[in-house]
PDB file of all heavy atoms in Angstrom:
ATOM      1  N   GLY A   1     103.836  -5.247   3.359  1.00  0.00           N
ATOM      2  CA  GLY A   1     103.082  -4.386   2.450  1.00  0.00           C
ATOM      3  C   GLY A   1     101.772  -4.929   1.920  1.00  0.00           C
ATOM      4  O   GLY A   1     101.330  -4.522   0.844  1.00  0.00           O
ATOM      5  N   VAL A   2     101.114  -5.806   2.653  1.00  0.00           N
ATOM      6  CA  VAL A   2      99.836  -6.342   2.188  1.00  0.00           C
ATOM      7  C   VAL A   2      98.795  -5.235   2.055  1.00  0.00           C
ATOM      8  O   VAL A   2      98.142  -5.103   1.014  1.00  0.00           O
ATOM      9  CB  VAL A   2      99.323  -7.464   3.122  1.00  0.00           C
ATOM     10  CG1 VAL A   2      97.936  -7.924   2.721  1.00  0.00           C
ATOM     11  CG2 VAL A   2     100.282  -8.629   3.121  1.00  0.00           C
ATOM     12  N   PHE A   3      98.646  -4.402   3.092  1.00  0.00           N
ATOM     13  CA  PHE A   3      97.694  -3.292   3.019  1.00  0.00           C
ATOM     14  C   PHE A   3      98.218  -2.205   2.083  1.00  0.00           C
ATOM     15  O   PHE A   3      97.448  -1.537   1.397  1.00  0.00           O
ATOM     16  CB  PHE A   3      97.402  -2.708   4.405  1.00  0.00           C
ATOM     17  CG  PHE A   3      96.794  -3.690   5.362  1.00  0.00           C
ATOM     18  CD1 PHE A   3      97.265  -3.788   6.654  1.00  0.00           C
ATOM     19  CD2 PHE A   3      95.767  -4.523   4.983  1.00  0.00           C
ATOM     20  CE1 PHE A   3      96.703  -4.690   7.552  1.00  0.00           C
ATOM     21  CE2 PHE A   3      95.203  -5.442   5.856  1.00  0.00           C
ATOM     22  CZ  PHE A   3      95.675  -5.519   7.142  1.00  0.00           C
ATOM     23  N   THR A   4      99.532  -2.039   2.048  1.00  0.00           N
ATOM     24  CA  THR A   4     100.155  -1.055   1.161  1.00  0.00           C
ATOM     25  C   THR A   4      99.815  -1.360  -0.288  1.00  0.00           C
ATOM     26  O   THR A   4      99.531  -0.453  -1.078  1.00  0.00           O
ATOM     27  CB  THR A   4     101.693  -1.046   1.348  1.00  0.00           C
ATOM     28  OG1 THR A   4     102.009  -1.134   2.733  1.00  0.00           O
ATOM     29  CG2 THR A   4     102.316   0.195   0.752  1.00  0.00           C
ATOM     30  N   GLN A   5      99.829  -2.631  -0.645  1.00  0.00           N
ATOM     31  CA  GLN A   5      99.495  -3.048  -2.012  1.00  0.00           C
ATOM     32  C   GLN A   5      98.068  -2.642  -2.366  1.00  0.00           C
ATOM     33  O   GLN A   5      97.803  -2.142  -3.452  1.00  0.00           O
ATOM     34  CB  GLN A   5      99.667  -4.564  -2.167  1.00  0.00           C
ATOM     35  CG  GLN A   5      99.373  -5.085  -3.559  1.00  0.00           C
ATOM     36  CD  GLN A   5     100.405  -4.641  -4.576  1.00  0.00           C
ATOM     37  OE1 GLN A   5     101.605  -4.715  -4.311  1.00  0.00           O
ATOM     38  NE2 GLN A   5      99.954  -4.182  -5.731  1.00  0.00           N
ATOM     39  N   GLU A   6      97.165  -2.850  -1.441  1.00  0.00           N
ATOM     40  CA  GLU A   6      95.762  -2.483  -1.664  1.00  0.00           C
ATOM     41  C   GLU A   6      95.637  -0.970  -1.866  1.00  0.00           C
ATOM     42  O   GLU A   6      94.929  -0.504  -2.751  1.00  0.00           O
ATOM     43  CB  GLU A   6      94.915  -2.945  -0.474  1.00  0.00           C
ATOM     44  CG  GLU A   6      93.451  -2.950  -0.729  1.00  0.00           C
ATOM     45  CD  GLU A   6      92.986  -4.124  -1.588  1.00  0.00           C
ATOM     46  OE1 GLU A   6      93.705  -5.126  -1.725  1.00  0.00           O
ATOM     47  OE2 GLU A   6      91.876  -4.016  -2.138  1.00  0.00           O
ATOM     48  N   LEU A   7      96.330  -0.201  -1.038  1.00  0.00           N
ATOM     49  CA  LEU A   7      96.330   1.259  -1.186  1.00  0.00           C
ATOM     50  C   LEU A   7      96.925   1.660  -2.529  1.00  0.00           C
ATOM     51  O   LEU A   7      96.385   2.530  -3.228  1.00  0.00           O
ATOM     52  CB  LEU A   7      97.120   1.912  -0.044  1.00  0.00           C
ATOM     53  CG  LEU A   7      96.514   1.802   1.352  1.00  0.00           C
ATOM     54  CD1 LEU A   7      97.521   2.252   2.410  1.00  0.00           C
ATOM     55  CD2 LEU A   7      95.228   2.611   1.457  1.00  0.00           C
ATOM     56  N   TYR A   8      98.012   1.045  -2.901  1.00  0.00           N
ATOM     57  CA  TYR A   8      98.707   1.347  -4.148  1.00  0.00           C
ATOM     58  C   TYR A   8      97.790   1.117  -5.353  1.00  0.00           C
ATOM     59  O   TYR A   8      97.777   1.909  -6.296  1.00  0.00           O
ATOM     60  CB  TYR A   8      99.959   0.480  -4.245  1.00  0.00           C
ATOM     61  CG  TYR A   8     100.937   0.875  -5.310  1.00  0.00           C
ATOM     62  CD1 TYR A   8     101.853   1.899  -5.090  1.00  0.00           C
ATOM     63  CD2 TYR A   8     100.970   0.206  -6.526  1.00  0.00           C
ATOM     64  CE1 TYR A   8     102.785   2.249  -6.053  1.00  0.00           C
ATOM     65  CE2 TYR A   8     101.894   0.550  -7.502  1.00  0.00           C
ATOM     66  CZ  TYR A   8     102.792   1.575  -7.265  1.00  0.00           C
ATOM     67  OH  TYR A   8     103.706   1.926  -8.234  1.00  0.00           O
ATOM     68  N   GLU A   9      97.029   0.056  -5.302  1.00  0.00           N
ATOM     69  CA  GLU A   9      96.144  -0.285  -6.416  1.00  0.00           C
ATOM     70  C   GLU A   9      94.894   0.581  -6.468  1.00  0.00           C
ATOM     71  O   GLU A   9      94.362   0.831  -7.547  1.00  0.00           O
ATOM     72  CB  GLU A   9      95.724  -1.755  -6.321  1.00  0.00           C
ATOM     73  CG  GLU A   9      96.861  -2.721  -6.571  1.00  0.00           C
ATOM     74  CD  GLU A   9      96.488  -4.171  -6.276  1.00  0.00           C
ATOM     75  OE1 GLU A   9      95.311  -4.457  -5.937  1.00  0.00           O
ATOM     76  OE2 GLU A   9      97.395  -5.020  -6.372  1.00  0.00           O
ATOM     77  N   ARG A  10      94.412   1.043  -5.311  1.00  0.00           N
ATOM     78  CA  ARG A  10      93.091   1.671  -5.283  1.00  0.00           C
ATOM     79  C   ARG A  10      93.064   3.171  -5.010  1.00  0.00           C
ATOM     80  O   ARG A  10      92.061   3.819  -5.279  1.00  0.00           O
ATOM     81  CB  ARG A  10      92.224   0.945  -4.259  1.00  0.00           C
ATOM     82  CG  ARG A  10      91.963  -0.506  -4.694  1.00  0.00           C
ATOM     83  CD  ARG A  10      91.154  -1.307  -3.715  1.00  0.00           C
ATOM     84  NE  ARG A  10      89.978  -0.634  -3.250  1.00  0.00           N
ATOM     85  CZ  ARG A  10      89.327  -0.944  -2.141  1.00  0.00           C
ATOM     86  NH1 ARG A  10      89.763  -1.930  -1.377  1.00  0.00           N
ATOM     87  NH2 ARG A  10      88.252  -0.282  -1.761  1.00  0.00           N
ATOM     88  N   LEU A  11      94.143   3.735  -4.465  1.00  0.00           N
ATOM     89  CA  LEU A  11      94.159   5.177  -4.218  1.00  0.00           C
ATOM     90  C   LEU A  11      94.334   5.941  -5.524  1.00  0.00           C
ATOM     91  O   LEU A  11      94.947   5.438  -6.475  1.00  0.00           O
ATOM     92  CB  LEU A  11      95.297   5.551  -3.273  1.00  0.00           C
ATOM     93  CG  LEU A  11      95.110   5.272  -1.795  1.00  0.00           C
ATOM     94  CD1 LEU A  11      96.420   5.523  -1.044  1.00  0.00           C
ATOM     95  CD2 LEU A  11      93.994   6.106  -1.195  1.00  0.00           C
ATOM     96  N   HIS A  12      93.842   7.161  -5.555  1.00  0.00           N
ATOM     97  CA  HIS A  12      94.068   8.041  -6.691  1.00  0.00           C
ATOM     98  C   HIS A  12      95.573   8.238  -6.855  1.00  0.00           C
ATOM     99  O   HIS A  12      96.285   8.357  -5.854  1.00  0.00           O
ATOM    100  CB  HIS A  12      93.367   9.385  -6.441  1.00  0.00           C
ATOM    101  CG  HIS A  12      93.342  10.262  -7.634  1.00  0.00           C
ATOM    102  ND1 HIS A  12      94.418  11.041  -7.993  1.00  0.00           N
ATOM    103  CD2 HIS A  12      92.384  10.477  -8.570  1.00  0.00           C
ATOM    104  CE1 HIS A  12      94.127  11.708  -9.084  1.00  0.00           C
ATOM    105  NE2 HIS A  12      92.897  11.389  -9.463  1.00  0.00           N
ATOM    106  N   PRO A  13      96.089   8.277  -8.084  1.00  0.00           N
ATOM    107  CA  PRO A  13      97.534   8.429  -8.283  1.00  0.00           C
ATOM    108  C   PRO A  13      98.125   9.691  -7.650  1.00  0.00           C
ATOM    109  O   PRO A  13      99.315   9.727  -7.342  1.00  0.00           O
ATOM    110  CB  PRO A  13      97.685   8.486  -9.807  1.00  0.00           C
ATOM    111  CG  PRO A  13      96.450   7.855 -10.344  1.00  0.00           C
ATOM    112  CD  PRO A  13      95.365   8.098  -9.347  1.00  0.00           C
ATOM    113  N   ASP A  14      97.301  10.720  -7.438  1.00  0.00           N
ATOM    114  CA  ASP A  14      97.797  11.955  -6.824  1.00  0.00           C
ATOM    115  C   ASP A  14      97.730  11.950  -5.302  1.00  0.00           C
ATOM    116  O   ASP A  14      98.149  12.919  -4.665  1.00  0.00           O
ATOM    117  CB  ASP A  14      96.999  13.164  -7.346  1.00  0.00           C
ATOM    118  CG  ASP A  14      97.246  13.400  -8.826  1.00  0.00           C
ATOM    119  OD1 ASP A  14      98.321  13.011  -9.324  1.00  0.00           O
ATOM    120  OD2 ASP A  14      96.350  13.958  -9.494  1.00  0.00           O
ATOM    121  N   ALA A  15      97.196  10.890  -4.716  1.00  0.00           N
ATOM    122  CA  ALA A  15      97.112  10.819  -3.250  1.00  0.00           C
ATOM    123  C   ALA A  15      98.520  10.819  -2.670  1.00  0.00           C
ATOM    124  O   ALA A  15      99.452  10.253  -3.243  1.00  0.00           O
ATOM    125  CB  ALA A  15      96.364   9.561  -2.829  1.00  0.00           C
ATOM    126  N   GLN A  16      98.668  11.479  -1.531  1.00  0.00           N
ATOM    127  CA  GLN A  16      99.943  11.478  -0.820  1.00  0.00           C
ATOM    128  C   GLN A  16      99.848  10.440   0.296  1.00  0.00           C
ATOM    129  O   GLN A  16      98.906  10.461   1.090  1.00  0.00           O
ATOM    130  CB  GLN A  16     100.230  12.866  -0.262  1.00  0.00           C
ATOM    131  CG  GLN A  16     100.457  13.878  -1.374  1.00  0.00           C
ATOM    132  CD  GLN A  16     100.895  15.217  -0.836  1.00  0.00           C
ATOM    133  OE1 GLN A  16     101.747  15.280   0.045  1.00  0.00           O
ATOM    134  NE2 GLN A  16     100.315  16.272  -1.365  1.00  0.00           N
ATOM    135  N   VAL A  17     100.824   9.554   0.327  1.00  0.00           N
ATOM    136  CA  VAL A  17     100.814   8.449   1.278  1.00  0.00           C
ATOM    137  C   VAL A  17     102.141   8.418   2.028  1.00  0.00           C
ATOM    138  O   VAL A  17     103.210   8.395   1.419  1.00  0.00           O
ATOM    139  CB  VAL A  17     100.576   7.096   0.569  1.00  0.00           C
ATOM    140  CG1 VAL A  17     100.558   5.961   1.570  1.00  0.00           C
ATOM    141  CG2 VAL A  17      99.280   7.140  -0.240  1.00  0.00           C
ATOM    142  N   LEU A  18     102.040   8.425   3.345  1.00  0.00           N
ATOM    143  CA  LEU A  18     103.189   8.311   4.223  1.00  0.00           C
ATOM    144  C   LEU A  18     103.153   6.923   4.853  1.00  0.00           C
ATOM    145  O   LEU A  18     102.198   6.574   5.548  1.00  0.00           O
ATOM    146  CB  LEU A  18     103.144   9.392   5.307  1.00  0.00           C
ATOM    147  CG  LEU A  18     104.192   9.301   6.423  1.00  0.00           C
ATOM    148  CD1 LEU A  18     105.612   9.392   5.864  1.00  0.00           C
ATOM    149  CD2 LEU A  18     103.927  10.381   7.464  1.00  0.00           C
ATOM    150  N   VAL A  19     104.182   6.141   4.598  1.00  0.00           N
ATOM    151  CA  VAL A  19     104.287   4.780   5.122  1.00  0.00           C
ATOM    152  C   VAL A  19     105.414   4.779   6.155  1.00  0.00           C
ATOM    153  O   VAL A  19     106.557   5.089   5.819  1.00  0.00           O
ATOM    154  CB  VAL A  19     104.565   3.773   3.985  1.00  0.00           C
ATOM    155  CG1 VAL A  19     104.711   2.364   4.544  1.00  0.00           C
ATOM    156  CG2 VAL A  19     103.465   3.836   2.928  1.00  0.00           C
ATOM    157  N   ILE A  20     105.075   4.432   7.390  1.00  0.00           N
ATOM    158  CA  ILE A  20     106.038   4.470   8.496  1.00  0.00           C
ATOM    159  C   ILE A  20     106.327   3.045   8.958  1.00  0.00           C
ATOM    160  O   ILE A  20     105.433   2.349   9.431  1.00  0.00           O
ATOM    161  CB  ILE A  20     105.488   5.314   9.667  1.00  0.00           C
ATOM    162  CG1 ILE A  20     105.164   6.729   9.191  1.00  0.00           C
ATOM    163  CG2 ILE A  20     106.476   5.326  10.826  1.00  0.00           C
ATOM    164  CD1 ILE A  20     104.401   7.564  10.210  1.00  0.00           C
ATOM    165  N   GLU A  21     107.580   2.635   8.818  1.00  0.00           N
ATOM    166  CA  GLU A  21     108.004   1.281   9.164  1.00  0.00           C
ATOM    167  C   GLU A  21     109.326   1.355   9.922  1.00  0.00           C
ATOM    168  O   GLU A  21     110.228   2.105   9.535  1.00  0.00           O
ATOM    169  CB  GLU A  21     108.165   0.435   7.902  1.00  0.00           C
ATOM    170  CG  GLU A  21     108.754  -0.941   8.105  1.00  0.00           C
ATOM    171  CD  GLU A  21     108.012  -1.813   9.096  1.00  0.00           C
ATOM    172  OE1 GLU A  21     106.795  -2.022   8.919  1.00  0.00           O
ATOM    173  OE2 GLU A  21     108.639  -2.287  10.067  1.00  0.00           O
ATOM    174  N   LEU A  22     109.457   0.586  10.983  1.00  0.00           N
ATOM    175  CA  LEU A  22     110.650   0.593  11.823  1.00  0.00           C
ATOM    176  C   LEU A  22     111.760  -0.305  11.279  1.00  0.00           C
ATOM    177  O   LEU A  22     112.938   0.031  11.361  1.00  0.00           O
ATOM    178  CB  LEU A  22     110.268   0.152  13.242  1.00  0.00           C
ATOM    179  CG  LEU A  22     111.274   0.367  14.343  1.00  0.00           C
ATOM    180  CD1 LEU A  22     111.645   1.839  14.477  1.00  0.00           C
ATOM    181  CD2 LEU A  22     110.702  -0.140  15.670  1.00  0.00           C
ATOM    182  N   ASP A  23     111.411  -1.426  10.691  1.00  0.00           N
ATOM    183  CA  ASP A  23     112.386  -2.424  10.256  1.00  0.00           C
ATOM    184  C   ASP A  23     113.034  -2.035   8.918  1.00  0.00           C
ATOM    185  O   ASP A  23     112.344  -1.868   7.915  1.00  0.00           O
ATOM    186  CB  ASP A  23     111.695  -3.783  10.139  1.00  0.00           C
ATOM    187  CG  ASP A  23     112.657  -4.878   9.774  1.00  0.00           C
ATOM    188  OD1 ASP A  23     112.861  -5.106   8.559  1.00  0.00           O
ATOM    189  OD2 ASP A  23     113.208  -5.509  10.697  1.00  0.00           O
ATOM    190  N   ALA A  24     114.359  -1.915   8.911  1.00  0.00           N
ATOM    191  CA  ALA A  24     115.088  -1.483   7.716  1.00  0.00           C
ATOM    192  C   ALA A  24     114.889  -2.427   6.532  1.00  0.00           C
ATOM    193  O   ALA A  24     114.803  -1.982   5.380  1.00  0.00           O
ATOM    194  CB  ALA A  24     116.579  -1.358   8.036  1.00  0.00           C
ATOM    195  N   GLY A  25     114.826  -3.727   6.794  1.00  0.00           N
ATOM    196  CA  GLY A  25     114.612  -4.688   5.707  1.00  0.00           C
ATOM    197  C   GLY A  25     113.272  -4.494   5.033  1.00  0.00           C
ATOM    198  O   GLY A  25     113.168  -4.521   3.798  1.00  0.00           O
ATOM    199  N   TYR A  26     112.232  -4.295   5.829  1.00  0.00           N
ATOM    200  CA  TYR A  26     110.913  -4.026   5.255  1.00  0.00           C
ATOM    201  C   TYR A  26     110.921  -2.707   4.479  1.00  0.00           C
ATOM    202  O   TYR A  26     110.334  -2.608   3.407  1.00  0.00           O
ATOM    203  CB  TYR A  26     109.848  -3.946   6.348  1.00  0.00           C
ATOM    204  CG  TYR A  26     109.428  -5.258   6.965  1.00  0.00           C
ATOM    205  CD1 TYR A  26     108.940  -5.289   8.264  1.00  0.00           C
ATOM    206  CD2 TYR A  26     109.489  -6.458   6.270  1.00  0.00           C
ATOM    207  CE1 TYR A  26     108.527  -6.480   8.857  1.00  0.00           C
ATOM    208  CE2 TYR A  26     109.086  -7.647   6.851  1.00  0.00           C
ATOM    209  CZ  TYR A  26     108.605  -7.649   8.152  1.00  0.00           C
ATOM    210  OH  TYR A  26     108.187  -8.822   8.738  1.00  0.00           O
ATOM    211  N   VAL A  27     111.590  -1.687   5.030  1.00  0.00           N
ATOM    212  CA  VAL A  27     111.625  -0.371   4.368  1.00  0.00           C
ATOM    213  C   VAL A  27     112.228  -0.498   2.971  1.00  0.00           C
ATOM    214  O   VAL A  27     111.683   0.027   1.997  1.00  0.00           O
ATOM    215  CB  VAL A  27     112.388   0.667   5.219  1.00  0.00           C
ATOM    216  CG1 VAL A  27     112.657   1.943   4.431  1.00  0.00           C
ATOM    217  CG2 VAL A  27     111.604   0.989   6.484  1.00  0.00           C
ATOM    218  N   ALA A  28     113.347  -1.195   2.855  1.00  0.00           N
ATOM    219  CA  ALA A  28     114.002  -1.362   1.553  1.00  0.00           C
ATOM    220  C   ALA A  28     113.072  -2.059   0.558  1.00  0.00           C
ATOM    221  O   ALA A  28     112.941  -1.626  -0.594  1.00  0.00           O
ATOM    222  CB  ALA A  28     115.300  -2.147   1.718  1.00  0.00           C
ATOM    223  N   ALA A  29     112.414  -3.120   1.009  1.00  0.00           N
ATOM    224  CA  ALA A  29     111.502  -3.856   0.121  1.00  0.00           C
ATOM    225  C   ALA A  29     110.299  -2.997  -0.268  1.00  0.00           C
ATOM    226  O   ALA A  29     109.868  -3.002  -1.428  1.00  0.00           O
ATOM    227  CB  ALA A  29     111.043  -5.146   0.793  1.00  0.00           C
ATOM    228  N   LEU A  30     109.759  -2.249   0.691  1.00  0.00           N
ATOM    229  CA  LEU A  30     108.613  -1.378   0.413  1.00  0.00           C
ATOM    230  C   LEU A  30     108.996  -0.272  -0.570  1.00  0.00           C
ATOM    231  O   LEU A  30     108.222   0.051  -1.478  1.00  0.00           O
ATOM    232  CB  LEU A  30     108.074  -0.773   1.708  1.00  0.00           C
ATOM    233  CG  LEU A  30     107.409  -1.746   2.674  1.00  0.00           C
ATOM    234  CD1 LEU A  30     107.285  -1.124   4.059  1.00  0.00           C
ATOM    235  CD2 LEU A  30     106.052  -2.189   2.149  1.00  0.00           C
ATOM    236  N   LYS A  31     110.184   0.304  -0.404  1.00  0.00           N
ATOM    237  CA  LYS A  31     110.635   1.360  -1.323  1.00  0.00           C
ATOM    238  C   LYS A  31     110.770   0.824  -2.742  1.00  0.00           C
ATOM    239  O   LYS A  31     110.414   1.513  -3.698  1.00  0.00           O
ATOM    240  CB  LYS A  31     111.958   1.962  -0.850  1.00  0.00           C
ATOM    241  CG  LYS A  31     111.789   2.932   0.281  1.00  0.00           C
ATOM    242  CD  LYS A  31     113.108   3.591   0.665  1.00  0.00           C
ATOM    243  CE  LYS A  31     112.875   4.622   1.748  1.00  0.00           C
ATOM    244  NZ  LYS A  31     114.120   5.324   2.115  1.00  0.00           N
ATOM    245  N   SER A  32     111.265  -0.400  -2.875  1.00  0.00           N
ATOM    246  CA  SER A  32     111.425  -0.951  -4.228  1.00  0.00           C
ATOM    247  C   SER A  32     110.071  -1.228  -4.882  1.00  0.00           C
ATOM    248  O   SER A  32     109.945  -1.114  -6.100  1.00  0.00           O
ATOM    249  CB  SER A  32     112.302  -2.208  -4.208  1.00  0.00           C
ATOM    250  OG  SER A  32     111.620  -3.302  -3.654  1.00  0.00           O
ATOM    251  N   ARG A  33     109.074  -1.552  -4.098  1.00  0.00           N
ATOM    252  CA  ARG A  33     107.745  -1.853  -4.661  1.00  0.00           C
ATOM    253  C   ARG A  33     106.844  -0.635  -4.809  1.00  0.00           C
ATOM    254  O   ARG A  33     106.076  -0.548  -5.768  1.00  0.00           O
ATOM    255  CB  ARG A  33     107.031  -2.881  -3.769  1.00  0.00           C
ATOM    256  CG  ARG A  33     107.653  -4.259  -3.834  1.00  0.00           C
ATOM    257  CD  ARG A  33     107.035  -5.224  -2.855  1.00  0.00           C
ATOM    258  NE  ARG A  33     105.624  -5.435  -3.057  1.00  0.00           N
ATOM    259  CZ  ARG A  33     104.795  -5.855  -2.097  1.00  0.00           C
ATOM    260  NH1 ARG A  33     105.252  -6.097  -0.879  1.00  0.00           N
ATOM    261  NH2 ARG A  33     103.521  -6.030  -2.354  1.00  0.00           N
ATOM    262  N   PHE A  34     106.913   0.297  -3.846  1.00  0.00           N
ATOM    263  CA  PHE A  34     105.937   1.384  -3.810  1.00  0.00           C
ATOM    264  C   PHE A  34     106.554   2.783  -3.786  1.00  0.00           C
ATOM    265  O   PHE A  34     105.833   3.785  -3.752  1.00  0.00           O
ATOM    266  CB  PHE A  34     105.035   1.235  -2.571  1.00  0.00           C
ATOM    267  CG  PHE A  34     104.444  -0.126  -2.417  1.00  0.00           C
ATOM    268  CD1 PHE A  34     104.836  -0.967  -1.382  1.00  0.00           C
ATOM    269  CD2 PHE A  34     103.489  -0.592  -3.309  1.00  0.00           C
ATOM    270  CE1 PHE A  34     104.277  -2.232  -1.231  1.00  0.00           C
ATOM    271  CE2 PHE A  34     102.938  -1.857  -3.175  1.00  0.00           C
ATOM    272  CZ  PHE A  34     103.323  -2.682  -2.127  1.00  0.00           C
ATOM    273  N   GLY A  35     107.875   2.862  -3.781  1.00  0.00           N
ATOM    274  CA  GLY A  35     108.561   4.138  -3.622  1.00  0.00           C
ATOM    275  C   GLY A  35     108.354   5.136  -4.744  1.00  0.00           C
ATOM    276  O   GLY A  35     108.640   6.319  -4.577  1.00  0.00           O
ATOM    277  N   ASP A  36     107.845   4.681  -5.879  1.00  0.00           N
ATOM    278  CA  ASP A  36     107.593   5.616  -6.974  1.00  0.00           C
ATOM    279  C   ASP A  36     106.425   6.556  -6.671  1.00  0.00           C
ATOM    280  O   ASP A  36     106.343   7.650  -7.231  1.00  0.00           O
ATOM    281  CB  ASP A  36     107.341   4.868  -8.290  1.00  0.00           C
ATOM    282  CG  ASP A  36     106.121   3.966  -8.241  1.00  0.00           C
ATOM    283  OD1 ASP A  36     105.877   3.317  -7.193  1.00  0.00           O
ATOM    284  OD2 ASP A  36     105.381   3.903  -9.254  1.00  0.00           O
ATOM    285  N   ARG A  37     105.524   6.143  -5.766  1.00  0.00           N
ATOM    286  CA  ARG A  37     104.363   6.982  -5.432  1.00  0.00           C
ATOM    287  C   ARG A  37     104.228   7.270  -3.949  1.00  0.00           C
ATOM    288  O   ARG A  37     103.599   8.261  -3.581  1.00  0.00           O
ATOM    289  CB  ARG A  37     103.062   6.302  -5.902  1.00  0.00           C
ATOM    290  CG  ARG A  37     102.857   6.379  -7.376  1.00  0.00           C
ATOM    291  CD  ARG A  37     101.526   5.835  -7.861  1.00  0.00           C
ATOM    292  NE  ARG A  37     100.409   5.949  -6.972  1.00  0.00           N
ATOM    293  CZ  ARG A  37      99.451   5.025  -6.854  1.00  0.00           C
ATOM    294  NH1 ARG A  37      99.491   3.925  -7.554  1.00  0.00           N
ATOM    295  NH2 ARG A  37      98.444   5.209  -6.015  1.00  0.00           N
ATOM    296  N   PHE A  38     104.738   6.410  -3.092  1.00  0.00           N
ATOM    297  CA  PHE A  38     104.542   6.548  -1.659  1.00  0.00           C
ATOM    298  C   PHE A  38     105.824   7.009  -0.981  1.00  0.00           C
ATOM    299  O   PHE A  38     106.923   6.625  -1.378  1.00  0.00           O
ATOM    300  CB  PHE A  38     104.103   5.218  -1.051  1.00  0.00           C
ATOM    301  CG  PHE A  38     102.723   4.752  -1.451  1.00  0.00           C
ATOM    302  CD1 PHE A  38     101.915   5.466  -2.322  1.00  0.00           C
ATOM    303  CD2 PHE A  38     102.222   3.571  -0.950  1.00  0.00           C
ATOM    304  CE1 PHE A  38     100.649   5.022  -2.681  1.00  0.00           C
ATOM    305  CE2 PHE A  38     100.957   3.114  -1.287  1.00  0.00           C
ATOM    306  CZ  PHE A  38     100.165   3.844  -2.161  1.00  0.00           C
TER     307      PHE A  38
END
């Protein structure tokens, strides 16, 4: 989520973001960090 973090910090809060990841471990970690908006 290095680029995801940058998007999270700089995108408008109303932006819709679709994050596509194959690895289940990464998905779980990404959801815990960014799942409130992405």
